[in-house]
Amino acid sequence: MIKRLVCLWILLLFSSGSGASEFDSTYVSVTMVGSGDDVILVNGLASSPEVWAETVDQLQSSYRVHLFSIKGFAGTQAAPSTPDYYLEALRDEVLGYIQHAQLDSPVIIGHSMGGLVSLMVGSASPDAISKIIVVDALPFYSLLFNAEATSAQVAPFAFGLEKLLLAMSAAQYEAHVRKAAGIMVKSSERIETIVHWANTTDRAVNAQLVREVMTYDGRALLDRVSALSRSYMPMTQACR
């Protein structure tokens, strides 16, 4: 696992291509690997594009893969400013990149929060992409906890959780992340990777996005998305 992540990191450092390295973005950076039809990968909360290591292994011989890295996640420098609506800002960054790099109907694959962002991209500009693949993602995450939930009902808890995450000590925060990772991830080695990514993620960026993901009800988006492929298969082995 570690060897594969190192190999992907080397590819990310030395890969190049028209558009990606020149994209002037506030909230994301983009790296390209491989060649062929275009595929965009967007990762989830507090994680690195390295989570796609095995996916990239499989795709790069046949596709040009565009890996989005959210600034402030997993050891990267956070953006100098904070948008009022981070999810919408990320949606606009993806759309801006597609236009900037002149991508012709790319496929977009998003995991967790990245899946929600992908749905937002597809609903805002249905003709810009050919297919959306969402992995472990819902248009309204809070339905996992309450099938009758509404954004208004969830908002007080979500704002409270945001404040709690910001107030935690480093030890408390790591314990919180480790407990969550232990529920979702089988491999102890990969739990450590996820904990490391979370510990090196800008806390304020992540906490705001946690709150937004909990309160964002994107079910109405589905009627405007014509390229959706729902996926309930396990995420790439990097997080299993």
C-alpha atoms as a PDB file:
ATOM      1  CA  MET A   1       0.000   0.000   0.000  1.00  0.00           C
ATOM      2  CA  ILE A   2       2.709   2.510   1.006  1.00  0.00           C
ATOM      3  CA  LYS A   3       4.750   1.650  -2.102  1.00  0.00           C
ATOM      4  CA  ARG A   4       1.717   2.291  -4.320  1.00  0.00           C
ATOM      5  CA  LEU A   5       1.023   5.650  -2.708  1.00  0.00           C
ATOM      6  CA  VAL A   6       4.666   6.674  -3.127  1.00  0.00           C
ATOM      7  CA  CYS A   7       4.529   5.695  -6.809  1.00  0.00           C
ATOM      8  CA  LEU A   8       1.388   7.767  -7.334  1.00  0.00           C
ATOM      9  CA  TRP A   9       2.940  10.724  -5.534  1.00  0.00           C
ATOM     10  CA  ILE A  10       5.961  10.578  -7.848  1.00  0.00           C
ATOM     11  CA  LEU A  11       3.626  10.534 -10.852  1.00  0.00           C
ATOM     12  CA  LEU A  12       1.774  13.557  -9.496  1.00  0.00           C
ATOM     13  CA  LEU A  13       4.997  15.471  -8.975  1.00  0.00           C
ATOM     14  CA  PHE A  14       6.417  14.900 -12.425  1.00  0.00           C
ATOM     15  CA  SER A  15       3.328  14.589 -14.597  1.00  0.00           C
ATOM     16  CA  SER A  16       2.299  17.467 -16.841  1.00  0.00           C
ATOM     17  CA  GLY A  17      -0.229  18.322 -19.492  1.00  0.00           C
ATOM     18  CA  SER A  18      -2.043  21.198 -21.110  1.00  0.00           C
ATOM     19  CA  GLY A  19      -4.341  23.001 -18.732  1.00  0.00           C
ATOM     20  CA  ALA A  20      -3.724  21.367 -15.347  1.00  0.00           C
ATOM     21  CA  SER A  21      -0.457  22.984 -14.303  1.00  0.00           C
ATOM     22  CA  GLU A  22      -1.659  26.401 -15.549  1.00  0.00           C
ATOM     23  CA  PHE A  23      -5.040  26.361 -13.824  1.00  0.00           C
ATOM     24  CA  ASP A  24      -5.195  29.368 -11.494  1.00  0.00           C
ATOM     25  CA  SER A  25      -7.499  28.269  -8.719  1.00  0.00           C
ATOM     26  CA  THR A  26      -8.247  29.543  -5.242  1.00  0.00           C
ATOM     27  CA  TYR A  27      -9.556  26.365  -3.646  1.00  0.00           C
ATOM     28  CA  VAL A  28      -8.135  23.407  -5.604  1.00  0.00           C
ATOM     29  CA  SER A  29      -5.099  22.226  -7.484  1.00  0.00           C
ATOM     30  CA  VAL A  30      -5.202  19.744 -10.361  1.00  0.00           C
ATOM     31  CA  THR A  31      -2.691  17.223 -11.647  1.00  0.00           C
ATOM     32  CA  MET A  32      -2.954  15.086 -14.771  1.00  0.00           C
ATOM     33  CA  VAL A  33      -1.612  11.577 -15.387  1.00  0.00           C
ATOM     34  CA  GLY A  34      -2.086   9.202 -18.311  1.00  0.00           C
ATOM     35  CA  SER A  35      -3.545   9.836 -21.753  1.00  0.00           C
ATOM     36  CA  GLY A  36      -6.835   9.225 -23.536  1.00  0.00           C
ATOM     37  CA  ASP A  37     -10.395  10.265 -22.789  1.00  0.00           C
ATOM     38  CA  ASP A  38     -10.727  12.547 -19.785  1.00  0.00           C
ATOM     39  CA  VAL A  39     -11.695  11.390 -16.283  1.00  0.00           C
ATOM     40  CA  ILE A  40     -11.915  13.749 -13.286  1.00  0.00           C
ATOM     41  CA  LEU A  41     -11.457  12.366  -9.763  1.00  0.00           C
ATOM     42  CA  VAL A  42     -12.672  14.297  -6.704  1.00  0.00           C
ATOM     43  CA  ASN A  43     -11.909  12.934  -3.234  1.00  0.00           C
ATOM     44  CA  GLY A  44     -13.865  13.211  -0.018  1.00  0.00           C
ATOM     45  CA  LEU A  45     -13.516  15.080   3.263  1.00  0.00           C
ATOM     46  CA  ALA A  46     -10.046  15.518   4.762  1.00  0.00           C
ATOM     47  CA  SER A  47      -8.435  13.145   2.294  1.00  0.00           C
ATOM     48  CA  SER A  48      -5.766  13.220  -0.384  1.00  0.00           C
ATOM     49  CA  PRO A  49      -6.033  12.397  -4.099  1.00  0.00           C
ATOM     50  CA  GLU A  50      -3.713   9.540  -3.160  1.00  0.00           C
ATOM     51  CA  VAL A  51      -6.888   7.753  -2.079  1.00  0.00           C
ATOM     52  CA  TRP A  52      -7.378   7.059  -5.794  1.00  0.00           C
ATOM     53  CA  ALA A  53      -4.023   5.250  -6.146  1.00  0.00           C
ATOM     54  CA  GLU A  54      -5.398   1.916  -7.326  1.00  0.00           C
ATOM     55  CA  THR A  55      -8.035   3.600  -9.470  1.00  0.00           C
ATOM     56  CA  VAL A  56      -5.320   5.610 -11.218  1.00  0.00           C
ATOM     57  CA  ASP A  57      -3.282   2.419 -11.687  1.00  0.00           C
ATOM     58  CA  GLN A  58      -6.191   0.983 -13.637  1.00  0.00           C
ATOM     59  CA  LEU A  59      -7.141   4.081 -15.618  1.00  0.00           C
ATOM     60  CA  GLN A  60      -3.962   5.867 -16.640  1.00  0.00           C
ATOM     61  CA  SER A  61      -3.040   3.515 -19.501  1.00  0.00           C
ATOM     62  CA  SER A  62      -6.322   4.309 -21.284  1.00  0.00           C
ATOM     63  CA  TYR A  63      -7.495   7.627 -19.843  1.00  0.00           C
ATOM     64  CA  ARG A  64      -6.151  11.067 -19.039  1.00  0.00           C
ATOM     65  CA  VAL A  65      -6.890  11.381 -15.325  1.00  0.00           C
ATOM     66  CA  HIS A  66      -7.362  14.774 -13.672  1.00  0.00           C
ATOM     67  CA  LEU A  67      -6.869  14.519  -9.911  1.00  0.00           C
ATOM     68  CA  PHE A  68      -8.390  17.340  -7.903  1.00  0.00           C
ATOM     69  CA  SER A  69      -6.744  18.221  -4.596  1.00  0.00           C
ATOM     70  CA  ILE A  70      -8.728  20.450  -2.248  1.00  0.00           C
ATOM     71  CA  LYS A  71      -6.483  23.068  -0.702  1.00  0.00           C
ATOM     72  CA  GLY A  72      -6.242  22.612   3.046  1.00  0.00           C
ATOM     73  CA  PHE A  73      -6.758  18.845   2.914  1.00  0.00           C
ATOM     74  CA  ALA A  74      -4.103  16.285   3.834  1.00  0.00           C
ATOM     75  CA  GLY A  75      -1.122  18.547   4.417  1.00  0.00           C
ATOM     76  CA  THR A  76      -1.791  21.088   1.675  1.00  0.00           C
ATOM     77  CA  GLN A  77      -1.925  24.828   2.274  1.00  0.00           C
ATOM     78  CA  ALA A  78      -5.440  26.152   2.796  1.00  0.00           C
ATOM     79  CA  ALA A  79      -6.783  28.915   0.575  1.00  0.00           C
ATOM     80  CA  PRO A  80      -6.160  32.473   1.848  1.00  0.00           C
ATOM     81  CA  SER A  81      -9.898  33.187   1.897  1.00  0.00           C
ATOM     82  CA  THR A  82     -12.963  31.216   2.932  1.00  0.00           C
ATOM     83  CA  PRO A  83     -16.066  31.167   0.727  1.00  0.00           C
ATOM     84  CA  ASP A  84     -19.510  31.547   2.250  1.00  0.00           C
ATOM     85  CA  TYR A  85     -20.533  28.288   0.565  1.00  0.00           C
ATOM     86  CA  TYR A  86     -17.573  25.952   0.138  1.00  0.00           C
ATOM     87  CA  LEU A  87     -19.444  23.238  -1.750  1.00  0.00           C
ATOM     88  CA  GLU A  88     -20.627  25.727  -4.342  1.00  0.00           C
ATOM     89  CA  ALA A  89     -17.110  27.129  -4.641  1.00  0.00           C
ATOM     90  CA  LEU A  90     -15.751  23.634  -5.311  1.00  0.00           C
ATOM     91  CA  ARG A  91     -18.498  23.041  -7.893  1.00  0.00           C
ATOM     92  CA  ASP A  92     -17.486  26.227  -9.672  1.00  0.00           C
ATOM     93  CA  GLU A  93     -13.807  25.260  -9.546  1.00  0.00           C
ATOM     94  CA  VAL A  94     -14.527  21.972 -11.305  1.00  0.00           C
ATOM     95  CA  LEU A  95     -16.629  23.696 -13.949  1.00  0.00           C
ATOM     96  CA  GLY A  96     -13.951  26.360 -14.379  1.00  0.00           C
ATOM     97  CA  TYR A  97     -11.290  23.732 -14.848  1.00  0.00           C
ATOM     98  CA  ILE A  98     -13.339  21.853 -17.465  1.00  0.00           C
ATOM     99  CA  GLN A  99     -13.668  25.079 -19.429  1.00  0.00           C
ATOM    100  CA  HIS A 100     -10.046  26.138 -18.886  1.00  0.00           C
ATOM    101  CA  ALA A 101      -8.589  22.782 -19.951  1.00  0.00           C
ATOM    102  CA  GLN A 102     -11.115  22.529 -22.800  1.00  0.00           C
ATOM    103  CA  LEU A 103     -12.202  19.054 -21.760  1.00  0.00           C
ATOM    104  CA  ASP A 104     -14.686  17.416 -24.103  1.00  0.00           C
ATOM    105  CA  SER A 105     -17.434  15.766 -22.038  1.00  0.00           C
ATOM    106  CA  PRO A 106     -15.242  14.189 -19.327  1.00  0.00           C
ATOM    107  CA  VAL A 107     -16.395  11.537 -16.878  1.00  0.00           C
ATOM    108  CA  ILE A 108     -16.388  12.759 -13.277  1.00  0.00           C
ATOM    109  CA  ILE A 109     -15.986  10.336 -10.383  1.00  0.00           C
ATOM    110  CA  GLY A 110     -16.495  11.557  -6.831  1.00  0.00           C
ATOM    111  CA  HIS A 111     -16.139   9.818  -3.494  1.00  0.00           C
ATOM    112  CA  SER A 112     -18.261  10.872  -0.509  1.00  0.00           C
ATOM    113  CA  MET A 113     -18.220  14.694  -0.428  1.00  0.00           C
ATOM    114  CA  GLY A 114     -16.609  14.538  -3.873  1.00  0.00           C
ATOM    115  CA  GLY A 115     -19.648  12.616  -5.054  1.00  0.00           C
ATOM    116  CA  LEU A 116     -21.928  15.382  -3.843  1.00  0.00           C
ATOM    117  CA  VAL A 117     -19.753  17.967  -5.598  1.00  0.00           C
ATOM    118  CA  SER A 118     -19.969  15.843  -8.757  1.00  0.00           C
ATOM    119  CA  LEU A 119     -23.779  15.893  -8.604  1.00  0.00           C
ATOM    120  CA  MET A 120     -23.683  19.658  -8.183  1.00  0.00           C
ATOM    121  CA  VAL A 121     -21.425  19.958 -11.244  1.00  0.00           C
ATOM    122  CA  GLY A 122     -23.709  17.747 -13.323  1.00  0.00           C
ATOM    123  CA  SER A 123     -26.850  19.652 -12.360  1.00  0.00           C
ATOM    124  CA  ALA A 124     -25.297  23.072 -12.936  1.00  0.00           C
ATOM    125  CA  SER A 125     -23.984  22.190 -16.406  1.00  0.00           C
ATOM    126  CA  PRO A 126     -25.433  18.887 -17.675  1.00  0.00           C
ATOM    127  CA  ASP A 127     -23.814  19.233 -21.096  1.00  0.00           C
ATOM    128  CA  ALA A 128     -20.315  19.696 -19.681  1.00  0.00           C
ATOM    129  CA  ILE A 129     -19.843  16.051 -18.707  1.00  0.00           C
ATOM    130  CA  SER A 130     -20.646  12.671 -20.194  1.00  0.00           C
ATOM    131  CA  LYS A 131     -21.096  10.636 -17.010  1.00  0.00           C
ATOM    132  CA  ILE A 132     -21.092  11.027 -13.233  1.00  0.00           C
ATOM    133  CA  ILE A 133     -20.054   8.128 -11.033  1.00  0.00           C
ATOM    134  CA  VAL A 134     -20.687   8.609  -7.330  1.00  0.00           C
ATOM    135  CA  VAL A 135     -19.045   6.342  -4.775  1.00  0.00           C
ATOM    136  CA  ASP A 136     -20.395   6.141  -1.222  1.00  0.00           C
ATOM    137  CA  ALA A 137     -22.273   9.394  -1.747  1.00  0.00           C
ATOM    138  CA  LEU A 138     -25.791  10.718  -1.210  1.00  0.00           C
ATOM    139  CA  PRO A 139     -27.442  13.950  -2.346  1.00  0.00           C
ATOM    140  CA  PHE A 140     -28.468  14.564   1.303  1.00  0.00           C
ATOM    141  CA  TYR A 141     -26.229  12.849   3.819  1.00  0.00           C
ATOM    142  CA  SER A 142     -28.343  13.481   6.880  1.00  0.00           C
ATOM    143  CA  LEU A 143     -30.937  11.013   5.617  1.00  0.00           C
ATOM    144  CA  LEU A 144     -28.532   8.339   6.860  1.00  0.00           C
ATOM    145  CA  PHE A 145     -29.455   9.364  10.399  1.00  0.00           C
ATOM    146  CA  ASN A 146     -33.071  10.410   9.937  1.00  0.00           C
ATOM    147  CA  ALA A 147     -35.130   9.472   6.894  1.00  0.00           C
ATOM    148  CA  GLU A 148     -37.436  12.430   7.563  1.00  0.00           C
ATOM    149  CA  ALA A 149     -34.673  15.001   8.026  1.00  0.00           C
ATOM    150  CA  THR A 150     -34.740  18.459   6.488  1.00  0.00           C
ATOM    151  CA  SER A 151     -31.925  20.969   6.143  1.00  0.00           C
ATOM    152  CA  ALA A 152     -33.591  23.254   8.672  1.00  0.00           C
ATOM    153  CA  GLN A 153     -33.910  20.462  11.224  1.00  0.00           C
ATOM    154  CA  VAL A 154     -30.299  19.389  10.819  1.00  0.00           C
ATOM    155  CA  ALA A 155     -28.782  22.888  10.823  1.00  0.00           C
ATOM    156  CA  PRO A 156     -28.522  23.429  14.625  1.00  0.00           C
ATOM    157  CA  PHE A 157     -26.744  20.096  15.102  1.00  0.00           C
ATOM    158  CA  ALA A 158     -24.469  20.696  12.102  1.00  0.00           C
ATOM    159  CA  PHE A 159     -23.412  24.139  13.348  1.00  0.00           C
ATOM    160  CA  GLY A 160     -22.860  22.664  16.800  1.00  0.00           C
ATOM    161  CA  LEU A 161     -20.665  19.917  15.367  1.00  0.00           C
ATOM    162  CA  GLU A 162     -18.649  22.479  13.418  1.00  0.00           C
ATOM    163  CA  LYS A 163     -17.947  24.388  16.629  1.00  0.00           C
ATOM    164  CA  LEU A 164     -17.127  21.179  18.475  1.00  0.00           C
ATOM    165  CA  LEU A 165     -14.618  20.075  15.837  1.00  0.00           C
ATOM    166  CA  LEU A 166     -12.905  23.458  16.040  1.00  0.00           C
ATOM    167  CA  ALA A 167     -12.793  23.379  19.838  1.00  0.00           C
ATOM    168  CA  MET A 168     -11.322  19.874  20.194  1.00  0.00           C
ATOM    169  CA  SER A 169      -7.750  19.436  21.328  1.00  0.00           C
ATOM    170  CA  ALA A 170      -5.407  17.640  18.951  1.00  0.00           C
ATOM    171  CA  ALA A 171      -5.769  14.444  21.008  1.00  0.00           C
ATOM    172  CA  GLN A 172      -9.568  14.676  21.080  1.00  0.00           C
ATOM    173  CA  TYR A 173      -9.727  15.326  17.354  1.00  0.00           C
ATOM    174  CA  GLU A 174      -7.502  12.365  16.544  1.00  0.00           C
ATOM    175  CA  ALA A 175      -9.598  10.105  18.751  1.00  0.00           C
ATOM    176  CA  HIS A 176     -12.724  11.313  16.957  1.00  0.00           C
ATOM    177  CA  VAL A 177     -11.192  10.651  13.526  1.00  0.00           C
ATOM    178  CA  ARG A 178      -9.799   7.276  14.558  1.00  0.00           C
ATOM    179  CA  LYS A 179     -13.194   6.125  15.830  1.00  0.00           C
ATOM    180  CA  ALA A 180     -14.900   7.170  12.581  1.00  0.00           C
ATOM    181  CA  ALA A 181     -12.197   5.554  10.447  1.00  0.00           C
ATOM    182  CA  GLY A 182     -12.464   2.351  12.436  1.00  0.00           C
ATOM    183  CA  ILE A 183     -16.145   2.090  11.499  1.00  0.00           C
ATOM    184  CA  MET A 184     -15.556   2.642   7.783  1.00  0.00           C
ATOM    185  CA  VAL A 185     -12.163   1.056   7.103  1.00  0.00           C
ATOM    186  CA  LYS A 186     -11.045  -2.549   7.519  1.00  0.00           C
ATOM    187  CA  SER A 187      -7.258  -2.284   7.286  1.00  0.00           C
ATOM    188  CA  SER A 188      -5.409  -0.965  10.352  1.00  0.00           C
ATOM    189  CA  GLU A 189      -2.646   0.332   8.073  1.00  0.00           C
ATOM    190  CA  ARG A 190      -5.114   2.352   6.056  1.00  0.00           C
ATOM    191  CA  ILE A 191      -6.780   3.671   9.184  1.00  0.00           C
ATOM    192  CA  GLU A 192      -3.410   5.201  10.046  1.00  0.00           C
ATOM    193  CA  THR A 193      -3.233   6.787   6.591  1.00  0.00           C
ATOM    194  CA  ILE A 194      -6.674   8.344   7.015  1.00  0.00           C
ATOM    195  CA  VAL A 195      -5.848   9.570  10.524  1.00  0.00           C
ATOM    196  CA  HIS A 196      -2.666  11.167   9.179  1.00  0.00           C
ATOM    197  CA  TRP A 197      -4.568  12.915   6.403  1.00  0.00           C
ATOM    198  CA  ALA A 198      -7.139  14.220   8.890  1.00  0.00           C
ATOM    199  CA  ASN A 199      -4.480  15.390  11.362  1.00  0.00           C
ATOM    200  CA  THR A 200      -2.763  17.369   8.599  1.00  0.00           C
ATOM    201  CA  THR A 201      -5.991  18.854   7.211  1.00  0.00           C
ATOM    202  CA  ASP A 202      -6.878  22.459   7.973  1.00  0.00           C
ATOM    203  CA  ARG A 203      -9.436  22.068  10.739  1.00  0.00           C
ATOM    204  CA  ALA A 204     -11.511  25.121   9.784  1.00  0.00           C
ATOM    205  CA  VAL A 205     -11.833  24.073   6.142  1.00  0.00           C
ATOM    206  CA  ASN A 206     -12.890  20.559   7.089  1.00  0.00           C
ATOM    207  CA  ALA A 207     -15.308  21.658   9.814  1.00  0.00           C
ATOM    208  CA  GLN A 208     -17.104  24.069   7.481  1.00  0.00           C
ATOM    209  CA  LEU A 209     -17.419  21.380   4.818  1.00  0.00           C
ATOM    210  CA  VAL A 210     -18.702  18.842   7.365  1.00  0.00           C
ATOM    211  CA  ARG A 211     -21.424  21.302   8.331  1.00  0.00           C
ATOM    212  CA  GLU A 212     -22.287  22.071   4.694  1.00  0.00           C
ATOM    213  CA  VAL A 213     -22.419  18.411   3.682  1.00  0.00           C
ATOM    214  CA  MET A 214     -24.757  17.665   6.572  1.00  0.00           C
ATOM    215  CA  THR A 215     -27.166  20.475   5.685  1.00  0.00           C
ATOM    216  CA  TYR A 216     -27.032  20.432   1.885  1.00  0.00           C
ATOM    217  CA  ASP A 217     -30.101  18.773   0.415  1.00  0.00           C
ATOM    218  CA  GLY A 218     -29.304  18.052  -3.208  1.00  0.00           C
ATOM    219  CA  ARG A 219     -32.161  15.696  -3.981  1.00  0.00           C
ATOM    220  CA  ALA A 220     -33.670  18.210  -6.371  1.00  0.00           C
ATOM    221  CA  LEU A 221     -30.407  18.136  -8.332  1.00  0.00           C
ATOM    222  CA  LEU A 222     -31.079  14.607  -9.528  1.00  0.00           C
ATOM    223  CA  ASP A 223     -33.831  15.749 -11.884  1.00  0.00           C
ATOM    224  CA  ARG A 224     -31.296  17.969 -13.662  1.00  0.00           C
ATOM    225  CA  VAL A 225     -28.570  15.325 -13.943  1.00  0.00           C
ATOM    226  CA  SER A 226     -28.718  13.218 -17.094  1.00  0.00           C
ATOM    227  CA  ALA A 227     -25.355  11.442 -16.819  1.00  0.00           C
ATOM    228  CA  LEU A 228     -25.526   9.822 -13.393  1.00  0.00           C
ATOM    229  CA  SER A 229     -24.212   6.355 -12.617  1.00  0.00           C
ATOM    230  CA  ARG A 230     -24.826   5.428  -8.987  1.00  0.00           C
ATOM    231  CA  SER A 231     -22.160   3.255  -7.399  1.00  0.00           C
ATOM    232  CA  TYR A 232     -22.499   1.418  -4.113  1.00  0.00           C
ATOM    233  CA  MET A 233     -19.368  -0.668  -4.684  1.00  0.00           C
ATOM    234  CA  PRO A 234     -16.559  -0.391  -2.134  1.00  0.00           C
ATOM    235  CA  MET A 235     -14.256   2.561  -2.545  1.00  0.00           C
ATOM    236  CA  THR A 236     -10.794   2.012  -4.010  1.00  0.00           C
ATOM    237  CA  GLN A 237      -8.681  -0.283  -1.863  1.00  0.00           C
ATOM    238  CA  ALA A 238      -6.762   2.729  -0.598  1.00  0.00           C
ATOM    239  CA  CYS A 239      -9.471   3.262   2.015  1.00  0.00           C
ATOM    240  CA  ARG A 240     -10.389  -0.345   2.769  1.00  0.00           C
END
